[in-house]
PDB file of N, CA and C in Angstrom:
ATOM      1  N   MET A   1     133.165 126.571  57.151  1.00  0.00           N
ATOM      2  CA  MET A   1     133.979 125.502  57.610  1.00  0.00           C
ATOM      3  C   MET A   1     133.622 125.075  59.033  1.00  0.00           C
ATOM      4  N   ALA A   2     133.396 126.112  59.846  1.00  0.00           N
ATOM      5  CA  ALA A   2     133.032 125.820  61.240  1.00  0.00           C
ATOM      6  C   ALA A   2     131.673 125.143  61.303  1.00  0.00           C
ATOM      7  N   THR A   3     130.750 125.567  60.456  1.00  0.00           N
ATOM      8  CA  THR A   3     129.419 124.936  60.469  1.00  0.00           C
ATOM      9  C   THR A   3     129.500 123.484  60.014  1.00  0.00           C
ATOM     10  N   LYS A   4     130.420 123.208  59.105  1.00  0.00           N
ATOM     11  CA  LYS A   4     130.571 121.835  58.618  1.00  0.00           C
ATOM     12  C   LYS A   4     131.096 120.933  59.744  1.00  0.00           C
ATOM     13  N   ALA A   5     132.035 121.431  60.527  1.00  0.00           N
ATOM     14  CA  ALA A   5     132.587 120.685  61.636  1.00  0.00           C
ATOM     15  C   ALA A   5     131.522 120.460  62.718  1.00  0.00           C
ATOM     16  N   LYS A   6     130.741 121.512  62.970  1.00  0.00           N
ATOM     17  CA  LYS A   6     129.653 121.379  63.940  1.00  0.00           C
ATOM     18  C   LYS A   6     128.632 120.360  63.472  1.00  0.00           C
ATOM     19  N   GLN A   7     128.322 120.396  62.202  1.00  0.00           N
ATOM     20  CA  GLN A   7     127.339 119.447  61.651  1.00  0.00           C
ATOM     21  C   GLN A   7     127.872 118.023  61.760  1.00  0.00           C
ATOM     22  N   THR A   8     129.166 117.829  61.507  1.00  0.00           N
ATOM     23  CA  THR A   8     129.762 116.501  61.615  1.00  0.00           C
ATOM     24  C   THR A   8     129.720 116.018  63.063  1.00  0.00           C
ATOM     25  N   ARG A   9     130.018 116.913  63.991  1.00  0.00           N
ATOM     26  CA  ARG A   9     129.916 116.562  65.424  1.00  0.00           C
ATOM     27  C   ARG A   9     128.489 116.205  65.807  1.00  0.00           C
ATOM     28  N   ILE A  10     127.549 116.983  65.320  1.00  0.00           N
ATOM     29  CA  ILE A  10     126.136 116.711  65.600  1.00  0.00           C
ATOM     30  C   ILE A  10     125.712 115.355  65.027  1.00  0.00           C
ATOM     31  N   GLU A  11     126.171 115.114  63.800  1.00  0.00           N
ATOM     32  CA  GLU A  11     125.842 113.821  63.183  1.00  0.00           C
ATOM     33  C   GLU A  11     126.450 112.660  63.972  1.00  0.00           C
ATOM     34  N   LYS A  12     127.693 112.803  64.387  1.00  0.00           N
ATOM     35  CA  LYS A  12     128.347 111.758  65.168  1.00  0.00           C
ATOM     36  C   LYS A  12     127.620 111.555  66.500  1.00  0.00           C
ATOM     37  N   ALA A  13     127.250 112.653  67.150  1.00  0.00           N
ATOM     38  CA  ALA A  13     126.537 112.568  68.421  1.00  0.00           C
ATOM     39  C   ALA A  13     125.175 111.890  68.211  1.00  0.00           C
ATOM     40  N   ALA A  14     124.487 112.268  67.141  1.00  0.00           N
ATOM     41  CA  ALA A  14     123.180 111.671  66.857  1.00  0.00           C
ATOM     42  C   ALA A  14     123.327 110.194  66.558  1.00  0.00           C
ATOM     43  N   THR A  15     124.363 109.817  65.843  1.00  0.00           N
ATOM     44  CA  THR A  15     124.618 108.409  65.554  1.00  0.00           C
ATOM     45  C   THR A  15     124.908 107.647  66.833  1.00  0.00           C
ATOM     46  N   ASN A  16     125.718 108.251  67.714  1.00  0.00           N
ATOM     47  CA  ASN A  16     126.051 107.609  68.996  1.00  0.00           C
ATOM     48  C   ASN A  16     124.799 107.448  69.837  1.00  0.00           C
ATOM     49  N   VAL A  17     123.977 108.485  69.882  1.00  0.00           N
ATOM     50  CA  VAL A  17     122.747 108.427  70.690  1.00  0.00           C
ATOM     51  C   VAL A  17     121.804 107.355  70.120  1.00  0.00           C
ATOM     52  N   LEU A  18     121.688 107.308  68.800  1.00  0.00           N
ATOM     53  CA  LEU A  18     120.859 106.292  68.152  1.00  0.00           C
ATOM     54  C   LEU A  18     121.388 104.883  68.447  1.00  0.00           C
ATOM     55  N   GLY A  19     122.692 104.706  68.404  1.00  0.00           N
ATOM     56  CA  GLY A  19     123.293 103.411  68.717  1.00  0.00           C
ATOM     57  C   GLY A  19     123.019 103.007  70.157  1.00  0.00           C
ATOM     58  N   MET A  20     123.189 103.954  71.095  1.00  0.00           N
ATOM     59  CA  MET A  20     122.933 103.647  72.508  1.00  0.00           C
ATOM     60  C   MET A  20     121.452 103.355  72.745  1.00  0.00           C
ATOM     61  N   ALA A  21     120.579 104.104  72.083  1.00  0.00           N
ATOM     62  CA  ALA A  21     119.136 103.850  72.226  1.00  0.00           C
ATOM     63  C   ALA A  21     118.762 102.484  71.663  1.00  0.00           C
ATOM     64  N   THR A  22     119.371 102.101  70.563  1.00  0.00           N
ATOM     65  CA  THR A  22     119.110 100.799  69.984  1.00  0.00           C
ATOM     66  C   THR A  22     119.562  99.696  70.915  1.00  0.00           C
ATOM     67  N   LYS A  23     120.763  99.842  71.495  1.00  0.00           N
ATOM     68  CA  LYS A  23     121.282  98.853  72.450  1.00  0.00           C
ATOM     69  C   LYS A  23     120.356  98.752  73.663  1.00  0.00           C
ATOM     70  N   ALA A  24     119.973  99.919  74.188  1.00  0.00           N
ATOM     71  CA  ALA A  24     119.075  99.914  75.360  1.00  0.00           C
ATOM     72  C   ALA A  24     117.738  99.247  75.026  1.00  0.00           C
ATOM     73  N   ASN A  25     117.215  99.542  73.859  1.00  0.00           N
ATOM     74  CA  ASN A  25     115.939  98.954  73.437  1.00  0.00           C
ATOM     75  C   ASN A  25     116.077  97.436  73.296  1.00  0.00           C
ATOM     76  N   ASN A  26     117.150  96.977  72.663  1.00  0.00           N
ATOM     77  CA  ASN A  26     117.359  95.530  72.521  1.00  0.00           C
ATOM     78  C   ASN A  26     117.520  94.850  73.859  1.00  0.00           C
ATOM     79  N   PHE A  27     118.236  95.503  74.791  1.00  0.00           N
ATOM     80  CA  PHE A  27     118.380  94.949  76.134  1.00  0.00           C
ATOM     81  C   PHE A  27     117.030  94.847  76.835  1.00  0.00           C
ATOM     82  N   ALA A  28     116.244  95.919  76.735  1.00  0.00           N
ATOM     83  CA  ALA A  28     114.905  95.928  77.362  1.00  0.00           C
ATOM     84  C   ALA A  28     114.012  94.869  76.772  1.00  0.00           C
ATOM     85  N   LEU A  29     114.068  94.711  75.465  1.00  0.00           N
ATOM     86  CA  LEU A  29     113.234  93.678  74.819  1.00  0.00           C
ATOM     87  C   LEU A  29     113.653  92.274  75.210  1.00  0.00           C
ATOM     88  N   SER A  30     114.943  92.007  75.232  1.00  0.00           N
ATOM     89  CA  SER A  30     115.393  90.657  75.588  1.00  0.00           C
ATOM     90  C   SER A  30     115.112  90.367  77.067  1.00  0.00           C
ATOM     91  N   THR A  31     115.293  91.377  77.931  1.00  0.00           N
ATOM     92  CA  THR A  31     114.993  91.185  79.353  1.00  0.00           C
ATOM     93  C   THR A  31     113.509  90.943  79.552  1.00  0.00           C
ATOM     94  N   THR A  32     112.680  91.709  78.883  1.00  0.00           N
ATOM     95  CA  THR A  32     111.241  91.527  78.989  1.00  0.00           C
ATOM     96  C   THR A  32     110.813  90.155  78.504  1.00  0.00           C
ATOM     97  N   GLU A  33     111.414  89.690  77.422  1.00  0.00           N
ATOM     98  CA  GLU A  33     111.099  88.373  76.902  1.00  0.00           C
ATOM     99  C   GLU A  33     111.492  87.267  77.893  1.00  0.00           C
ATOM    100  N   LYS A  34     112.650  87.414  78.516  1.00  0.00           N
ATOM    101  CA  LYS A  34     113.074  86.414  79.522  1.00  0.00           C
ATOM    102  C   LYS A  34     112.127  86.422  80.717  1.00  0.00           C
ATOM    103  N   VAL A  35     111.742  87.609  81.171  1.00  0.00           N
ATOM    104  CA  VAL A  35     110.832  87.699  82.302  1.00  0.00           C
ATOM    105  C   VAL A  35     109.494  87.072  81.959  1.00  0.00           C
ATOM    106  N   PHE A  36     108.992  87.352  80.776  1.00  0.00           N
ATOM    107  CA  PHE A  36     107.716  86.805  80.354  1.00  0.00           C
ATOM    108  C   PHE A  36     107.782  85.282  80.259  1.00  0.00           C
ATOM    109  N   ASP A  37     108.868  84.764  79.644  1.00  0.00           N
ATOM    110  CA  ASP A  37     108.990  83.310  79.538  1.00  0.00           C
ATOM    111  C   ASP A  37     109.058  82.651  80.889  1.00  0.00           C
ATOM    112  N   THR A  38     109.838  83.222  81.782  1.00  0.00           N
ATOM    113  CA  THR A  38     109.958  82.679  83.146  1.00  0.00           C
ATOM    114  C   THR A  38     108.600  82.729  83.861  1.00  0.00           C
ATOM    115  N   SER A  39     107.909  83.829  83.761  1.00  0.00           N
ATOM    116  CA  SER A  39     106.602  83.974  84.407  1.00  0.00           C
ATOM    117  C   SER A  39     105.596  83.002  83.824  1.00  0.00           C
ATOM    118  N   PHE A  40     105.618  82.844  82.492  1.00  0.00           N
ATOM    119  CA  PHE A  40     104.704  81.952  81.855  1.00  0.00           C
ATOM    120  C   PHE A  40     104.964  80.501  82.269  1.00  0.00           C
ATOM    121  N   ASN A  41     106.234  80.120  82.336  1.00  0.00           N
ATOM    122  CA  ASN A  41     106.573  78.737  82.764  1.00  0.00           C
ATOM    123  C   ASN A  41     106.180  78.510  84.219  1.00  0.00           C
ATOM    124  N   MET A  42     106.387  79.508  85.077  1.00  0.00           N
ATOM    125  CA  MET A  42     106.004  79.348  86.478  1.00  0.00           C
ATOM    126  C   MET A  42     104.493  79.261  86.607  1.00  0.00           C
ATOM    127  N   ALA A  43     103.780  80.045  85.835  1.00  0.00           N
ATOM    128  CA  ALA A  43     102.292  79.995  85.871  1.00  0.00           C
ATOM    129  C   ALA A  43     101.814  78.625  85.395  1.00  0.00           C
ATOM    130  N   HIS A  44     102.465  78.095  84.383  1.00  0.00           N
ATOM    131  CA  HIS A  44     102.112  76.757  83.881  1.00  0.00           C
ATOM    132  C   HIS A  44     102.344  75.667  84.965  1.00  0.00           C
ATOM    133  N   LYS A  45     103.481  75.762  85.634  1.00  0.00           N
ATOM    134  CA  LYS A  45     103.772  74.796  86.714  1.00  0.00           C
ATOM    135  C   LYS A  45     102.780  74.949  87.841  1.00  0.00           C
ATOM    136  N   SER A  46     102.438  76.199  88.187  1.00  0.00           N
ATOM    137  CA  SER A  46     101.459  76.432  89.261  1.00  0.00           C
ATOM    138  C   SER A  46     100.107  75.886  88.881  1.00  0.00           C
ATOM    139  N   LEU A  47      99.717  76.045  87.640  1.00  0.00           N
ATOM    140  CA  LEU A  47      98.432  75.511  87.178  1.00  0.00           C
ATOM    141  C   LEU A  47      98.416  73.990  87.231  1.00  0.00           C
ATOM    142  N   ASP A  48      99.511  73.367  86.857  1.00  0.00           N
ATOM    143  CA  ASP A  48      99.616  71.920  86.949  1.00  0.00           C
ATOM    144  C   ASP A  48      99.501  71.449  88.389  1.00  0.00           C
ATOM    145  N   LEU A  49     100.193  72.133  89.277  1.00  0.00           N
ATOM    146  CA  LEU A  49     100.154  71.775  90.706  1.00  0.00           C
ATOM    147  C   LEU A  49      98.744  71.964  91.259  1.00  0.00           C
ATOM    148  N   THR A  50      98.150  73.073  90.932  1.00  0.00           N
ATOM    149  CA  THR A  50      96.783  73.351  91.405  1.00  0.00           C
ATOM    150  C   THR A  50      95.809  72.306  90.897  1.00  0.00           C
ATOM    151  N   SER A  51      95.956  71.898  89.660  1.00  0.00           N
ATOM    152  CA  SER A  51      95.118  70.870  89.080  1.00  0.00           C
ATOM    153  C   SER A  51      95.262  69.560  89.852  1.00  0.00           C
ATOM    154  N   LYS A  52      96.479  69.192  90.181  1.00  0.00           N
ATOM    155  CA  LYS A  52      96.699  67.961  90.949  1.00  0.00           C
ATOM    156  C   LYS A  52      96.095  68.046  92.336  1.00  0.00           C
ATOM    157  N   VAL A  53      96.267  69.191  92.976  1.00  0.00           N
ATOM    158  CA  VAL A  53      95.738  69.388  94.317  1.00  0.00           C
ATOM    159  C   VAL A  53      94.203  69.322  94.320  1.00  0.00           C
ATOM    160  N   VAL A  54      93.578  69.967  93.330  1.00  0.00           N
ATOM    161  CA  VAL A  54      92.123  69.942  93.234  1.00  0.00           C
ATOM    162  C   VAL A  54      91.624  68.503  92.975  1.00  0.00           C
ATOM    163  N   LYS A  55      92.326  67.769  92.114  1.00  0.00           N
ATOM    164  CA  LYS A  55      91.942  66.391  91.824  1.00  0.00           C
ATOM    165  C   LYS A  55      92.027  65.531  93.079  1.00  0.00           C
ATOM    166  N   LYS A  56      93.120  65.676  93.818  1.00  0.00           N
ATOM    167  CA  LYS A  56      93.259  64.930  95.077  1.00  0.00           C
ATOM    168  C   LYS A  56      92.156  65.312  96.049  1.00  0.00           C
ATOM    169  N   GLY A  57      91.856  66.617  96.131  1.00  0.00           N
ATOM    170  CA  GLY A  57      90.822  67.076  97.034  1.00  0.00           C
ATOM    171  C   GLY A  57      89.467  66.499  96.655  1.00  0.00           C
ATOM    172  N   LEU A  58      89.184  66.433  95.358  1.00  0.00           N
ATOM    173  CA  LEU A  58      87.913  65.830  94.938  1.00  0.00           C
ATOM    174  C   LEU A  58      87.869  64.353  95.218  1.00  0.00           C
ATOM    175  N   ASP A  59      88.997  63.667  95.063  1.00  0.00           N
ATOM    176  CA  ASP A  59      89.038  62.245  95.416  1.00  0.00           C
ATOM    177  C   ASP A  59      88.753  62.015  96.890  1.00  0.00           C
ATOM    178  N   ILE A  60      89.363  62.857  97.725  1.00  0.00           N
ATOM    179  CA  ILE A  60      89.147  62.747  99.169  1.00  0.00           C
ATOM    180  C   ILE A  60      87.695  63.054  99.502  1.00  0.00           C
ATOM    181  N   THR A  61      87.136  64.062  98.892  1.00  0.00           N
ATOM    182  CA  THR A  61      85.741  64.432  99.116  1.00  0.00           C
ATOM    183  C   THR A  61      84.814  63.286  98.709  1.00  0.00           C
ATOM    184  N   ALA A  62      85.102  62.657  97.589  1.00  0.00           N
ATOM    185  CA  ALA A  62      84.262  61.524  97.133  1.00  0.00           C
ATOM    186  C   ALA A  62      84.343  60.381  98.131  1.00  0.00           C
ATOM    187  N   THR A  63      85.521  60.092  98.638  1.00  0.00           N
ATOM    188  CA  THR A  63      85.664  59.042  99.635  1.00  0.00           C
ATOM    189  C   THR A  63      84.892  59.370 100.912  1.00  0.00           C
ATOM    190  N   GLN A  64      84.997  60.618 101.365  1.00  0.00           N
ATOM    191  CA  GLN A  64      84.263  61.022 102.568  1.00  0.00           C
ATOM    192  C   GLN A  64      82.761  60.956 102.318  1.00  0.00           C
ATOM    193  N   GLN A  65      82.321  61.315 101.152  1.00  0.00           N
ATOM    194  CA  GLN A  65      80.897  61.272 100.823  1.00  0.00           C
ATOM    195  C   GLN A  65      80.417  59.822 100.823  1.00  0.00           C
ATOM    196  N   ASP A  66      81.162  58.919 100.251  1.00  0.00           N
ATOM    197  CA  ASP A  66      80.797  57.496 100.262  1.00  0.00           C
ATOM    198  C   ASP A  66      80.710  56.971 101.676  1.00  0.00           C
ATOM    199  N   LEU A  67      81.659  57.349 102.506  1.00  0.00           N
ATOM    200  CA  LEU A  67      81.647  56.918 103.917  1.00  0.00           C
ATOM    201  C   LEU A  67      80.424  57.466 104.622  1.00  0.00           C
ATOM    202  N   MET A  68      80.076  58.739 104.362  1.00  0.00           N
ATOM    203  CA  MET A  68      78.910  59.316 105.009  1.00  0.00           C
ATOM    204  C   MET A  68      77.612  58.583 104.580  1.00  0.00           C
ATOM    205  N   PHE A  69      77.511  58.253 103.305  1.00  0.00           N
ATOM    206  CA  PHE A  69      76.310  57.548 102.837  1.00  0.00           C
ATOM    207  C   PHE A  69      76.259  56.132 103.400  1.00  0.00           C
ATOM    208  N   ASP A  70      77.413  55.478 103.555  1.00  0.00           N
ATOM    209  CA  ASP A  70      77.440  54.157 104.196  1.00  0.00           C
ATOM    210  C   ASP A  70      76.935  54.253 105.645  1.00  0.00           C
ATOM    211  N   VAL A  71      77.391  55.263 106.362  1.00  0.00           N
ATOM    212  CA  VAL A  71      76.949  55.458 107.750  1.00  0.00           C
ATOM    213  C   VAL A  71      75.435  55.769 107.796  1.00  0.00           C
ATOM    214  N   LEU A  72      74.967  56.603 106.873  1.00  0.00           N
ATOM    215  CA  LEU A  72      73.539  56.939 106.851  1.00  0.00           C
ATOM    216  C   LEU A  72      72.700  55.683 106.538  1.00  0.00           C
ATOM    217  N   ASN A  73      73.183  54.848 105.624  1.00  0.00           N
ATOM    218  CA  ASN A  73      72.454  53.611 105.313  1.00  0.00           C
ATOM    219  C   ASN A  73      72.425  52.675 106.519  1.00  0.00           C
ATOM    220  N   GLY A  74      73.534  52.618 107.254  1.00  0.00           N
ATOM    221  CA  GLY A  74      73.552  51.800 108.491  1.00  0.00           C
ATOM    222  C   GLY A  74      72.556  52.322 109.518  1.00  0.00           C
ATOM    223  N   VAL A  75      72.520  53.640 109.695  1.00  0.00           N
ATOM    224  CA  VAL A  75      71.562  54.249 110.629  1.00  0.00           C
ATOM    225  C   VAL A  75      70.131  53.987 110.158  1.00  0.00           C
ATOM    226  N   LYS A  76      69.898  54.077 108.871  1.00  0.00           N
ATOM    227  CA  LYS A  76      68.571  53.860 108.307  1.00  0.00           C
ATOM    228  C   LYS A  76      68.112  52.415 108.580  1.00  0.00           C
ATOM    229  N   LYS A  77      69.017  51.453 108.399  1.00  0.00           N
ATOM    230  CA  LYS A  77      68.673  50.051 108.646  1.00  0.00           C
ATOM    231  C   LYS A  77      68.330  49.836 110.109  1.00  0.00           C
ATOM    232  N   ARG A  78      69.075  50.467 111.018  1.00  0.00           N
ATOM    233  CA  ARG A  78      68.768  50.338 112.458  1.00  0.00           C
ATOM    234  C   ARG A  78      67.438  50.932 112.811  1.00  0.00           C
ATOM    235  N   ILE A  79      67.132  52.064 112.192  1.00  0.00           N
ATOM    236  CA  ILE A  79      65.836  52.734 112.464  1.00  0.00           C
ATOM    237  C   ILE A  79      64.680  51.854 111.953  1.00  0.00           C
ATOM    238  N   ILE A  80      64.861  51.280 110.760  1.00  0.00           N
ATOM    239  CA  ILE A  80      63.804  50.455 110.175  1.00  0.00           C
ATOM    240  C   ILE A  80      63.582  49.200 111.014  1.00  0.00           C
ATOM    241  N   LYS A  81      64.648  48.610 111.594  1.00  0.00           N
ATOM    242  CA  LYS A  81      64.511  47.424 112.438  1.00  0.00           C
ATOM    243  C   LYS A  81      63.721  47.705 113.702  1.00  0.00           C
ATOM    244  N   ASN A  82      63.888  48.914 114.228  1.00  0.00           N
ATOM    245  CA  ASN A  82      63.198  49.254 115.478  1.00  0.00           C
ATOM    246  C   ASN A  82      61.820  49.719 115.165  1.00  0.00           C
TER     247      ASN A  82
END
């Protein structure tokens, strides 16, 4: 009789532990999923911003390069005249 009561207590404790472990696991999984989603969205936004910045930088570089070639052509024309 005593062993049956002990076994029932052990089974209840094991069930409780299993229930708590399941809750903890579900919490960890949902938290990890939220963190991943947030990180992924932030990385996507950062990539979009970086893309825009690089595009603007390339546009500025192209403008500066055109200006430099215009100046060099002007210098070339002056040298040829002399």
